[in-house]
């Protein structure tokens, strides 16, 4: 029974680590590739502050939409930067952030040439640290899974030895 619990724990830790790691690496790769994207002019068309109620309580989140034109086609984007969480505990902080890009502001838009609808206002992330933290946590979970597997193997060896002594 102890071995089954160990194997299940290792499986859960390993899968969680792999999923979190792939999410973080995908974010880092997207952020890095955006640095080489071409840019175009855009205009902020809307800003919105909305409440978000989650595990950590009520937060006030800011979102923007902006328009930009590529080869005569108008696109609408809403990503400000990769990995940023534009939410605040205080509404006043969210309002201050919203005022940093008021409607009508001219902005530089980075867009993916193969998919121009994929765009961002910043090709660097204010949250690079967060992506790397996710990678570290993912590595820790995978390491825990590996250690559990080795512990399980040791348990098997002890059981084999104790069975051999009894016979």
N, C-alpha and C. Protein backbone atom coordinates (compact mmCIF):
# COMPACT_ATOMS: atom_id res chain seq x y z
N UNK A 1 0.82 -1.20 0.00
CA UNK A 1 0.00 0.00 0.00
C UNK A 1 0.87 1.26 0.00
N UNK A 2 1.97 1.22 0.79
CA UNK A 2 2.86 2.36 0.85
C UNK A 2 3.49 2.64 -0.52
N UNK A 3 3.82 1.56 -1.23
CA UNK A 3 4.44 1.71 -2.55
C UNK A 3 3.46 2.36 -3.54
N UNK A 4 2.20 1.99 -3.50
CA UNK A 4 1.20 2.58 -4.40
C UNK A 4 1.08 4.07 -4.13
N UNK A 5 1.05 4.44 -2.85
CA UNK A 5 0.97 5.86 -2.50
C UNK A 5 2.20 6.61 -3.00
N UNK A 6 3.37 6.01 -2.87
CA UNK A 6 4.60 6.64 -3.34
C UNK A 6 4.57 6.83 -4.86
N UNK A 7 4.15 5.81 -5.57
CA UNK A 7 4.10 5.88 -7.03
C UNK A 7 3.10 6.94 -7.49
N UNK A 8 1.93 6.97 -6.85
CA UNK A 8 0.93 7.98 -7.22
C UNK A 8 1.43 9.39 -6.92
N UNK A 9 2.08 9.57 -5.79
CA UNK A 9 2.64 10.88 -5.44
C UNK A 9 3.69 11.29 -6.47
N UNK A 10 4.56 10.35 -6.83
CA UNK A 10 5.60 10.64 -7.83
C UNK A 10 4.95 11.01 -9.17
N UNK A 11 3.92 10.30 -9.54
CA UNK A 11 3.23 10.56 -10.80
C UNK A 11 2.61 11.96 -10.81
N UNK A 12 1.92 12.30 -9.74
CA UNK A 12 1.27 13.62 -9.64
C UNK A 12 2.33 14.73 -9.65
N UNK A 13 3.39 14.57 -8.85
CA UNK A 13 4.46 15.59 -8.80
C UNK A 13 5.12 15.72 -10.17
N UNK A 14 5.42 14.62 -10.78
CA UNK A 14 6.08 14.64 -12.08
C UNK A 14 5.22 15.29 -13.15
N UNK A 15 3.96 14.91 -13.22
CA UNK A 15 3.06 15.49 -14.24
C UNK A 15 2.86 16.98 -14.01
N UNK A 16 2.66 17.36 -12.74
CA UNK A 16 2.50 18.78 -12.44
C UNK A 16 3.75 19.56 -12.83
N UNK A 17 4.91 19.03 -12.51
CA UNK A 17 6.16 19.68 -12.86
C UNK A 17 6.34 19.83 -14.35
N UNK A 18 6.01 18.79 -15.09
CA UNK A 18 6.14 18.83 -16.55
C UNK A 18 5.17 19.85 -17.15
N UNK A 19 3.93 19.85 -16.68
CA UNK A 19 2.93 20.80 -17.21
C UNK A 19 3.33 22.24 -16.89
N UNK A 20 3.73 22.50 -15.65
CA UNK A 20 4.12 23.85 -15.27
C UNK A 20 5.37 24.27 -16.03
N UNK A 21 6.31 23.36 -16.19
CA UNK A 21 7.54 23.65 -16.92
C UNK A 21 7.26 23.98 -18.37
N UNK A 22 6.37 23.22 -19.02
CA UNK A 22 6.09 23.51 -20.43
C UNK A 22 5.36 24.84 -20.58
N UNK A 23 4.48 25.15 -19.63
CA UNK A 23 3.79 26.45 -19.65
C UNK A 23 4.81 27.58 -19.53
N UNK A 24 5.74 27.46 -18.60
CA UNK A 24 6.74 28.50 -18.36
C UNK A 24 7.69 28.64 -19.55
N UNK A 25 8.13 27.53 -20.09
CA UNK A 25 9.05 27.58 -21.23
C UNK A 25 8.36 28.17 -22.45
N UNK A 26 7.09 27.83 -22.65
CA UNK A 26 6.33 28.41 -23.76
C UNK A 26 6.26 29.94 -23.61
N UNK A 27 6.02 30.40 -22.38
CA UNK A 27 5.97 31.84 -22.13
C UNK A 27 7.31 32.51 -22.38
N UNK A 28 8.38 31.88 -21.92
CA UNK A 28 9.72 32.44 -22.14
C UNK A 28 10.07 32.49 -23.62
N UNK A 29 9.73 31.42 -24.36
CA UNK A 29 10.02 31.38 -25.79
C UNK A 29 9.21 32.46 -26.53
N UNK A 30 7.93 32.59 -26.18
CA UNK A 30 7.09 33.61 -26.83
C UNK A 30 7.63 35.00 -26.55
N UNK A 31 8.00 35.24 -25.32
CA UNK A 31 8.55 36.54 -24.95
C UNK A 31 9.84 36.82 -25.71
N UNK A 32 10.70 35.82 -25.79
CA UNK A 32 11.98 36.00 -26.48
C UNK A 32 11.79 36.20 -27.98
N UNK A 33 10.89 35.44 -28.59
CA UNK A 33 10.70 35.57 -30.04
C UNK A 33 10.08 36.91 -30.42
N UNK A 34 9.27 37.47 -29.53
CA UNK A 34 8.61 38.75 -29.81
C UNK A 34 9.63 39.89 -29.96
N UNK A 35 10.80 39.71 -29.38
CA UNK A 35 11.83 40.76 -29.49
C UNK A 35 12.27 40.99 -30.93
N UNK A 36 12.12 39.96 -31.77
CA UNK A 36 12.54 40.11 -33.17
C UNK A 36 11.37 40.43 -34.11
N UNK A 37 10.16 40.55 -33.57
CA UNK A 37 9.00 40.85 -34.40
C UNK A 37 9.08 42.29 -34.93
N UNK A 38 8.52 42.52 -36.13
CA UNK A 38 8.44 43.89 -36.62
C UNK A 38 7.43 44.70 -35.79
N UNK A 39 7.49 46.00 -35.94
CA UNK A 39 6.56 46.86 -35.20
C UNK A 39 5.75 47.70 -36.18
N UNK A 40 4.63 48.18 -35.67
CA UNK A 40 3.79 49.11 -36.42
C UNK A 40 3.13 50.05 -35.41
N UNK A 41 2.55 51.11 -35.90
CA UNK A 41 1.86 52.06 -35.03
C UNK A 41 0.47 51.54 -34.70
N UNK A 42 0.04 51.85 -33.51
CA UNK A 42 -1.30 51.46 -33.07
C UNK A 42 -1.90 52.55 -32.21
N UNK A 43 -3.18 52.39 -31.87
CA UNK A 43 -3.89 53.36 -31.04
C UNK A 43 -4.71 52.59 -30.01
N UNK A 44 -4.64 53.00 -28.74
CA UNK A 44 -5.46 52.39 -27.69
C UNK A 44 -6.91 52.79 -27.93
N UNK A 45 -7.79 51.80 -28.02
CA UNK A 45 -9.21 52.06 -28.29
C UNK A 45 -10.08 51.95 -27.05
N UNK A 46 -9.64 51.15 -26.07
CA UNK A 46 -10.44 51.05 -24.84
C UNK A 46 -9.55 50.64 -23.68
N UNK A 47 -9.99 51.02 -22.50
CA UNK A 47 -9.36 50.57 -21.26
C UNK A 47 -10.50 50.17 -20.34
N UNK A 48 -10.25 49.15 -19.57
CA UNK A 48 -11.33 48.64 -18.72
C UNK A 48 -10.74 48.19 -17.40
N UNK A 49 -11.42 48.51 -16.32
CA UNK A 49 -11.07 48.01 -15.00
C UNK A 49 -12.22 47.14 -14.55
N UNK A 50 -11.90 45.90 -14.18
CA UNK A 50 -12.95 44.99 -13.77
C UNK A 50 -12.52 44.21 -12.54
N UNK A 51 -13.49 43.87 -11.68
CA UNK A 51 -13.14 43.09 -10.48
C UNK A 51 -12.91 41.63 -10.83
N UNK A 52 -12.03 41.01 -10.09
CA UNK A 52 -11.77 39.58 -10.24
C UNK A 52 -11.72 38.99 -8.85
N UNK A 53 -12.60 38.05 -8.59
CA UNK A 53 -12.66 37.45 -7.26
C UNK A 53 -12.07 36.05 -7.33
N UNK A 54 -10.95 35.84 -6.68
CA UNK A 54 -10.29 34.55 -6.70
C UNK A 54 -9.90 34.10 -5.31
N UNK A 55 -9.02 33.12 -5.26
CA UNK A 55 -8.56 32.58 -3.98
C UNK A 55 -7.93 33.63 -3.08
N UNK A 56 -7.26 34.59 -3.71
CA UNK A 56 -6.56 35.60 -2.94
C UNK A 56 -7.45 36.81 -2.64
N UNK A 57 -8.75 36.67 -2.85
CA UNK A 57 -9.66 37.77 -2.58
C UNK A 57 -9.93 38.60 -3.82
N UNK A 58 -10.52 39.75 -3.58
CA UNK A 58 -10.90 40.64 -4.67
C UNK A 58 -9.69 41.40 -5.20
N UNK A 59 -9.55 41.40 -6.52
CA UNK A 59 -8.52 42.16 -7.20
C UNK A 59 -9.18 43.01 -8.28
N UNK A 60 -8.51 44.09 -8.64
CA UNK A 60 -8.98 44.95 -9.71
C UNK A 60 -8.02 44.81 -10.87
N UNK A 61 -8.54 44.36 -12.01
CA UNK A 61 -7.70 44.07 -13.18
C UNK A 61 -7.93 45.11 -14.27
N UNK A 62 -6.85 45.39 -14.98
CA UNK A 62 -6.88 46.37 -16.05
C UNK A 62 -6.70 45.65 -17.37
N UNK A 63 -7.48 46.03 -18.35
CA UNK A 63 -7.27 45.50 -19.71
C UNK A 63 -7.45 46.64 -20.70
N UNK A 64 -6.74 46.50 -21.79
CA UNK A 64 -6.79 47.49 -22.86
C UNK A 64 -7.07 46.76 -24.17
N UNK A 65 -7.60 47.48 -25.13
CA UNK A 65 -7.60 46.98 -26.50
C UNK A 65 -7.01 48.08 -27.37
N UNK A 66 -6.35 47.66 -28.41
CA UNK A 66 -5.72 48.62 -29.31
C UNK A 66 -5.88 48.12 -30.73
N UNK A 67 -5.85 49.06 -31.66
CA UNK A 67 -5.95 48.74 -33.08
C UNK A 67 -4.63 49.06 -33.76
N UNK A 68 -4.33 48.27 -34.77
CA UNK A 68 -3.14 48.49 -35.58
C UNK A 68 -3.42 47.94 -36.97
N UNK A 69 -2.68 48.42 -37.95
CA UNK A 69 -2.93 48.04 -39.33
C UNK A 69 -1.68 47.39 -39.92
N UNK A 70 -1.88 46.23 -40.55
CA UNK A 70 -0.81 45.52 -41.25
C UNK A 70 -1.30 45.26 -42.68
N UNK A 71 -0.56 45.72 -43.66
CA UNK A 71 -0.90 45.52 -45.07
C UNK A 71 -2.35 45.91 -45.37
N UNK A 72 -2.79 47.01 -44.80
CA UNK A 72 -4.13 47.52 -45.07
C UNK A 72 -5.24 46.85 -44.27
N UNK A 73 -4.93 45.84 -43.49
CA UNK A 73 -5.94 45.16 -42.68
C UNK A 73 -5.85 45.63 -41.23
N UNK A 74 -7.00 45.96 -40.64
CA UNK A 74 -7.04 46.44 -39.25
C UNK A 74 -7.18 45.25 -38.31
N UNK A 75 -6.31 45.23 -37.31
CA UNK A 75 -6.33 44.19 -36.28
C UNK A 75 -6.60 44.83 -34.93
N UNK A 76 -7.14 44.04 -34.02
CA UNK A 76 -7.35 44.47 -32.64
C UNK A 76 -6.56 43.55 -31.73
N UNK A 77 -5.80 44.14 -30.82
CA UNK A 77 -5.04 43.36 -29.86
C UNK A 77 -5.39 43.73 -28.44
N UNK A 78 -5.04 42.84 -27.50
CA UNK A 78 -5.30 43.15 -26.10
C UNK A 78 -4.15 42.74 -25.17
N UNK A 79 -3.06 42.22 -25.74
CA UNK A 79 -1.92 41.84 -24.90
C UNK A 79 -1.02 43.05 -24.71
N UNK A 80 -0.74 43.35 -23.46
CA UNK A 80 0.17 44.45 -23.16
C UNK A 80 1.60 43.94 -23.13
N UNK A 81 1.82 42.82 -22.47
CA UNK A 81 3.14 42.21 -22.40
C UNK A 81 2.98 40.74 -22.06
N UNK A 82 3.97 39.94 -22.35
CA UNK A 82 3.90 38.52 -22.02
C UNK A 82 4.10 38.33 -20.53
N UNK A 83 3.21 37.57 -19.93
CA UNK A 83 3.38 37.21 -18.53
C UNK A 83 2.97 38.24 -17.51
N UNK A 84 2.45 39.36 -17.93
CA UNK A 84 2.06 40.39 -16.96
C UNK A 84 0.67 40.09 -16.42
N UNK A 85 0.53 40.33 -15.16
CA UNK A 85 -0.76 40.18 -14.52
C UNK A 85 -1.16 41.58 -14.07
N UNK A 86 -2.06 42.19 -14.80
CA UNK A 86 -2.42 43.58 -14.56
C UNK A 86 -3.56 43.67 -13.55
N UNK A 87 -3.36 43.04 -12.40
CA UNK A 87 -4.38 43.07 -11.35
C UNK A 87 -3.77 43.63 -10.07
N UNK A 88 -4.62 44.29 -9.32
CA UNK A 88 -4.17 44.97 -8.10
C UNK A 88 -5.18 44.75 -6.99
N UNK A 89 -4.70 44.76 -5.77
CA UNK A 89 -5.60 44.62 -4.62
C UNK A 89 -6.46 45.88 -4.43
N UNK A 90 -5.90 47.02 -4.78
CA UNK A 90 -6.62 48.28 -4.61
C UNK A 90 -7.07 48.82 -5.95
N UNK A 91 -8.32 49.24 -5.98
CA UNK A 91 -8.87 49.79 -7.23
C UNK A 91 -8.08 51.02 -7.68
N UNK A 92 -7.63 51.83 -6.72
CA UNK A 92 -6.89 53.05 -7.05
C UNK A 92 -5.62 52.71 -7.83
N UNK A 93 -4.93 51.63 -7.46
CA UNK A 93 -3.72 51.21 -8.18
C UNK A 93 -4.07 50.79 -9.61
N UNK A 94 -5.20 50.10 -9.76
CA UNK A 94 -5.64 49.69 -11.10
C UNK A 94 -5.98 50.93 -11.93
N UNK A 95 -6.63 51.91 -11.32
CA UNK A 95 -6.95 53.15 -12.03
C UNK A 95 -5.69 53.87 -12.48
N UNK A 96 -4.69 53.92 -11.60
CA UNK A 96 -3.42 54.56 -11.96
C UNK A 96 -2.77 53.85 -13.14
N UNK A 97 -2.80 52.52 -13.12
CA UNK A 97 -2.22 51.77 -14.24
C UNK A 97 -3.02 52.01 -15.52
N UNK A 98 -4.33 52.02 -15.41
CA UNK A 98 -5.17 52.25 -16.59
C UNK A 98 -4.87 53.61 -17.22
N UNK A 99 -4.59 54.59 -16.37
CA UNK A 99 -4.30 55.94 -16.88
C UNK A 99 -2.93 56.01 -17.58
N UNK A 100 -2.11 54.96 -17.41
CA UNK A 100 -0.81 54.97 -18.09
C UNK A 100 -0.97 54.77 -19.60
N UNK A 101 -2.10 54.22 -20.03
CA UNK A 101 -2.40 54.05 -21.46
C UNK A 101 -3.84 54.48 -21.73
N UNK A 102 -4.13 55.79 -21.65
CA UNK A 102 -5.51 56.23 -21.88
C UNK A 102 -5.95 56.02 -23.33
N UNK A 103 -7.25 55.96 -23.52
CA UNK A 103 -7.81 55.81 -24.86
C UNK A 103 -7.28 56.94 -25.74
N UNK A 104 -6.89 56.56 -26.96
CA UNK A 104 -6.36 57.52 -27.91
C UNK A 104 -4.83 57.59 -27.92
N UNK A 105 -4.19 56.95 -26.94
CA UNK A 105 -2.72 56.96 -26.89
C UNK A 105 -2.16 56.20 -28.08
N UNK A 106 -1.18 56.80 -28.73
CA UNK A 106 -0.47 56.11 -29.82
C UNK A 106 0.56 55.19 -29.19
N UNK A 107 0.58 53.93 -29.68
CA UNK A 107 1.47 52.92 -29.12
C UNK A 107 2.24 52.22 -30.24
N UNK A 108 3.35 51.61 -29.87
CA UNK A 108 4.10 50.77 -30.79
C UNK A 108 3.64 49.34 -30.55
N UNK A 109 3.26 48.66 -31.62
CA UNK A 109 2.75 47.29 -31.53
C UNK A 109 3.75 46.35 -32.18
N UNK A 110 4.18 45.34 -31.42
CA UNK A 110 5.01 44.26 -31.97
C UNK A 110 4.04 43.19 -32.45
N UNK A 111 4.22 42.70 -33.69
CA UNK A 111 3.30 41.68 -34.20
C UNK A 111 4.09 40.55 -34.85
N UNK A 112 3.51 39.37 -34.78
CA UNK A 112 4.14 38.18 -35.37
C UNK A 112 3.88 38.20 -36.87
N UNK A 113 4.94 38.22 -37.70
CA UNK A 113 4.74 38.35 -39.15
C UNK A 113 3.87 37.25 -39.75
N UNK A 114 4.01 36.01 -39.27
CA UNK A 114 3.22 34.89 -39.83
C UNK A 114 1.78 34.90 -39.35
N UNK A 115 1.53 35.58 -38.25
CA UNK A 115 0.18 35.65 -37.68
C UNK A 115 0.01 37.04 -37.08
N UNK A 116 -0.27 38.05 -37.90
CA UNK A 116 -0.31 39.44 -37.42
C UNK A 116 -1.32 39.70 -36.30
N UNK A 117 -2.29 38.81 -36.12
CA UNK A 117 -3.24 39.02 -35.03
C UNK A 117 -2.60 38.71 -33.67
N UNK A 118 -1.45 38.07 -33.67
CA UNK A 118 -0.71 37.81 -32.44
C UNK A 118 0.22 38.99 -32.21
N UNK A 119 -0.12 39.83 -31.25
CA UNK A 119 0.62 41.07 -31.04
C UNK A 119 0.76 41.38 -29.56
N UNK A 120 1.66 42.30 -29.27
CA UNK A 120 1.89 42.77 -27.91
C UNK A 120 2.41 44.19 -27.94
N UNK A 121 2.22 44.92 -26.86
CA UNK A 121 2.73 46.28 -26.79
C UNK A 121 4.17 46.33 -26.27
N UNK A 122 4.60 45.25 -25.66
CA UNK A 122 5.97 45.21 -25.14
C UNK A 122 6.58 43.85 -25.46
N UNK A 123 7.78 43.85 -25.99
CA UNK A 123 8.44 42.59 -26.34
C UNK A 123 9.29 42.08 -25.19
N UNK A 124 9.28 42.78 -24.09
CA UNK A 124 9.97 42.28 -22.89
C UNK A 124 8.92 42.12 -21.82
N UNK A 125 9.21 41.28 -20.89
CA UNK A 125 8.23 41.02 -19.85
C UNK A 125 8.66 41.63 -18.54
N UNK A 126 7.71 42.29 -17.90
CA UNK A 126 7.94 42.76 -16.53
C UNK A 126 7.95 41.56 -15.60
N UNK A 127 7.52 40.42 -16.10
CA UNK A 127 7.38 39.24 -15.27
C UNK A 127 8.36 38.14 -15.65
N UNK A 128 9.51 38.50 -16.22
CA UNK A 128 10.51 37.47 -16.55
C UNK A 128 10.84 36.63 -15.32
N UNK A 129 10.96 37.32 -14.20
CA UNK A 129 11.26 36.62 -12.95
C UNK A 129 10.21 35.55 -12.68
N UNK A 130 8.95 35.88 -12.93
CA UNK A 130 7.86 34.93 -12.68
C UNK A 130 7.99 33.70 -13.57
N UNK A 131 8.33 33.90 -14.86
CA UNK A 131 8.53 32.74 -15.74
C UNK A 131 9.63 31.85 -15.20
N UNK A 132 10.75 32.46 -14.80
CA UNK A 132 11.88 31.66 -14.29
C UNK A 132 11.52 31.00 -12.97
N UNK A 133 10.70 31.66 -12.16
CA UNK A 133 10.23 31.03 -10.92
C UNK A 133 9.40 29.79 -11.24
N UNK A 134 8.53 29.88 -12.24
CA UNK A 134 7.74 28.72 -12.67
C UNK A 134 8.65 27.58 -13.12
N UNK A 135 9.71 27.92 -13.86
CA UNK A 135 10.65 26.88 -14.30
C UNK A 135 11.29 26.22 -13.09
N UNK A 136 11.70 27.01 -12.10
CA UNK A 136 12.34 26.46 -10.90
C UNK A 136 11.38 25.58 -10.10
N UNK A 137 10.15 26.03 -9.96
CA UNK A 137 9.16 25.22 -9.23
C UNK A 137 8.88 23.93 -9.98
N UNK A 138 8.79 24.02 -11.29
CA UNK A 138 8.56 22.82 -12.11
C UNK A 138 9.72 21.84 -11.92
N UNK A 139 10.94 22.35 -11.96
CA UNK A 139 12.12 21.48 -11.77
C UNK A 139 12.10 20.85 -10.38
N UNK A 140 11.67 21.59 -9.39
CA UNK A 140 11.58 21.04 -8.03
C UNK A 140 10.58 19.89 -7.97
N UNK A 141 9.43 20.05 -8.62
CA UNK A 141 8.42 18.99 -8.62
C UNK A 141 8.92 17.74 -9.34
N UNK A 142 9.61 17.93 -10.47
CA UNK A 142 10.15 16.78 -11.19
C UNK A 142 11.23 16.10 -10.34
N UNK A 143 12.06 16.90 -9.67
CA UNK A 143 13.09 16.34 -8.78
C UNK A 143 12.46 15.54 -7.65
N UNK A 144 11.41 16.07 -7.06
CA UNK A 144 10.70 15.34 -6.00
C UNK A 144 10.17 14.02 -6.54
N UNK A 145 9.61 14.05 -7.74
CA UNK A 145 9.09 12.81 -8.35
C UNK A 145 10.20 11.79 -8.52
N UNK A 146 11.36 12.24 -9.00
CA UNK A 146 12.50 11.32 -9.20
C UNK A 146 12.96 10.77 -7.85
N UNK A 147 13.06 11.62 -6.85
CA UNK A 147 13.48 11.17 -5.52
C UNK A 147 12.49 10.15 -4.94
N UNK A 148 11.21 10.37 -5.17
CA UNK A 148 10.20 9.42 -4.69
C UNK A 148 10.37 8.08 -5.38
N UNK A 149 10.65 8.11 -6.70
CA UNK A 149 10.85 6.85 -7.43
C UNK A 149 12.06 6.11 -6.85
N UNK A 150 13.15 6.82 -6.59
CA UNK A 150 14.32 6.18 -6.00
C UNK A 150 14.01 5.64 -4.60
N UNK A 151 13.23 6.38 -3.83
CA UNK A 151 12.83 5.93 -2.50
C UNK A 151 11.99 4.65 -2.62
N UNK A 152 11.14 4.62 -3.62
CA UNK A 152 10.31 3.45 -3.86
C UNK A 152 11.17 2.24 -4.21
N UNK A 153 12.22 2.47 -5.01
CA UNK A 153 13.15 1.38 -5.37
C UNK A 153 13.86 0.86 -4.13
N UNK A 154 14.26 1.78 -3.23
CA UNK A 154 14.92 1.36 -1.98
C UNK A 154 13.96 0.50 -1.15
N UNK A 155 12.69 0.91 -1.12
CA UNK A 155 11.69 0.15 -0.38
C UNK A 155 11.56 -1.25 -0.97
N UNK A 156 11.56 -1.35 -2.30
CA UNK A 156 11.51 -2.66 -2.96
C UNK A 156 12.70 -3.52 -2.55
N UNK A 157 13.89 -2.93 -2.53
CA UNK A 157 15.10 -3.67 -2.19
C UNK A 157 15.02 -4.18 -0.75
N UNK A 158 14.51 -3.36 0.17
CA UNK A 158 14.36 -3.78 1.57
C UNK A 158 13.39 -4.94 1.67
N UNK A 159 12.29 -4.86 0.92
CA UNK A 159 11.30 -5.94 0.96
C UNK A 159 11.88 -7.24 0.40
N UNK A 160 12.67 -7.13 -0.67
CA UNK A 160 13.29 -8.32 -1.27
C UNK A 160 14.26 -8.93 -0.27
N UNK A 161 15.07 -8.09 0.40
CA UNK A 161 16.04 -8.59 1.39
C UNK A 161 15.33 -9.25 2.56
N UNK A 162 14.26 -8.62 3.05
CA UNK A 162 13.55 -9.20 4.20
C UNK A 162 12.86 -10.51 3.81
N UNK A 163 12.37 -10.60 2.56
CA UNK A 163 11.78 -11.85 2.09
C UNK A 163 12.83 -12.95 1.98
N UNK A 164 14.03 -12.58 1.53
CA UNK A 164 15.12 -13.56 1.38
C UNK A 164 15.57 -14.07 2.74
N UNK A 165 15.58 -13.20 3.75
CA UNK A 165 16.00 -13.63 5.10
C UNK A 165 14.99 -14.59 5.72
N UNK A 166 13.73 -14.38 5.42
CA UNK A 166 12.68 -15.22 6.01
C UNK A 166 12.69 -16.62 5.42
N UNK A 167 13.20 -16.80 4.20
CA UNK A 167 13.18 -18.12 3.58
C UNK A 167 14.41 -18.91 3.84
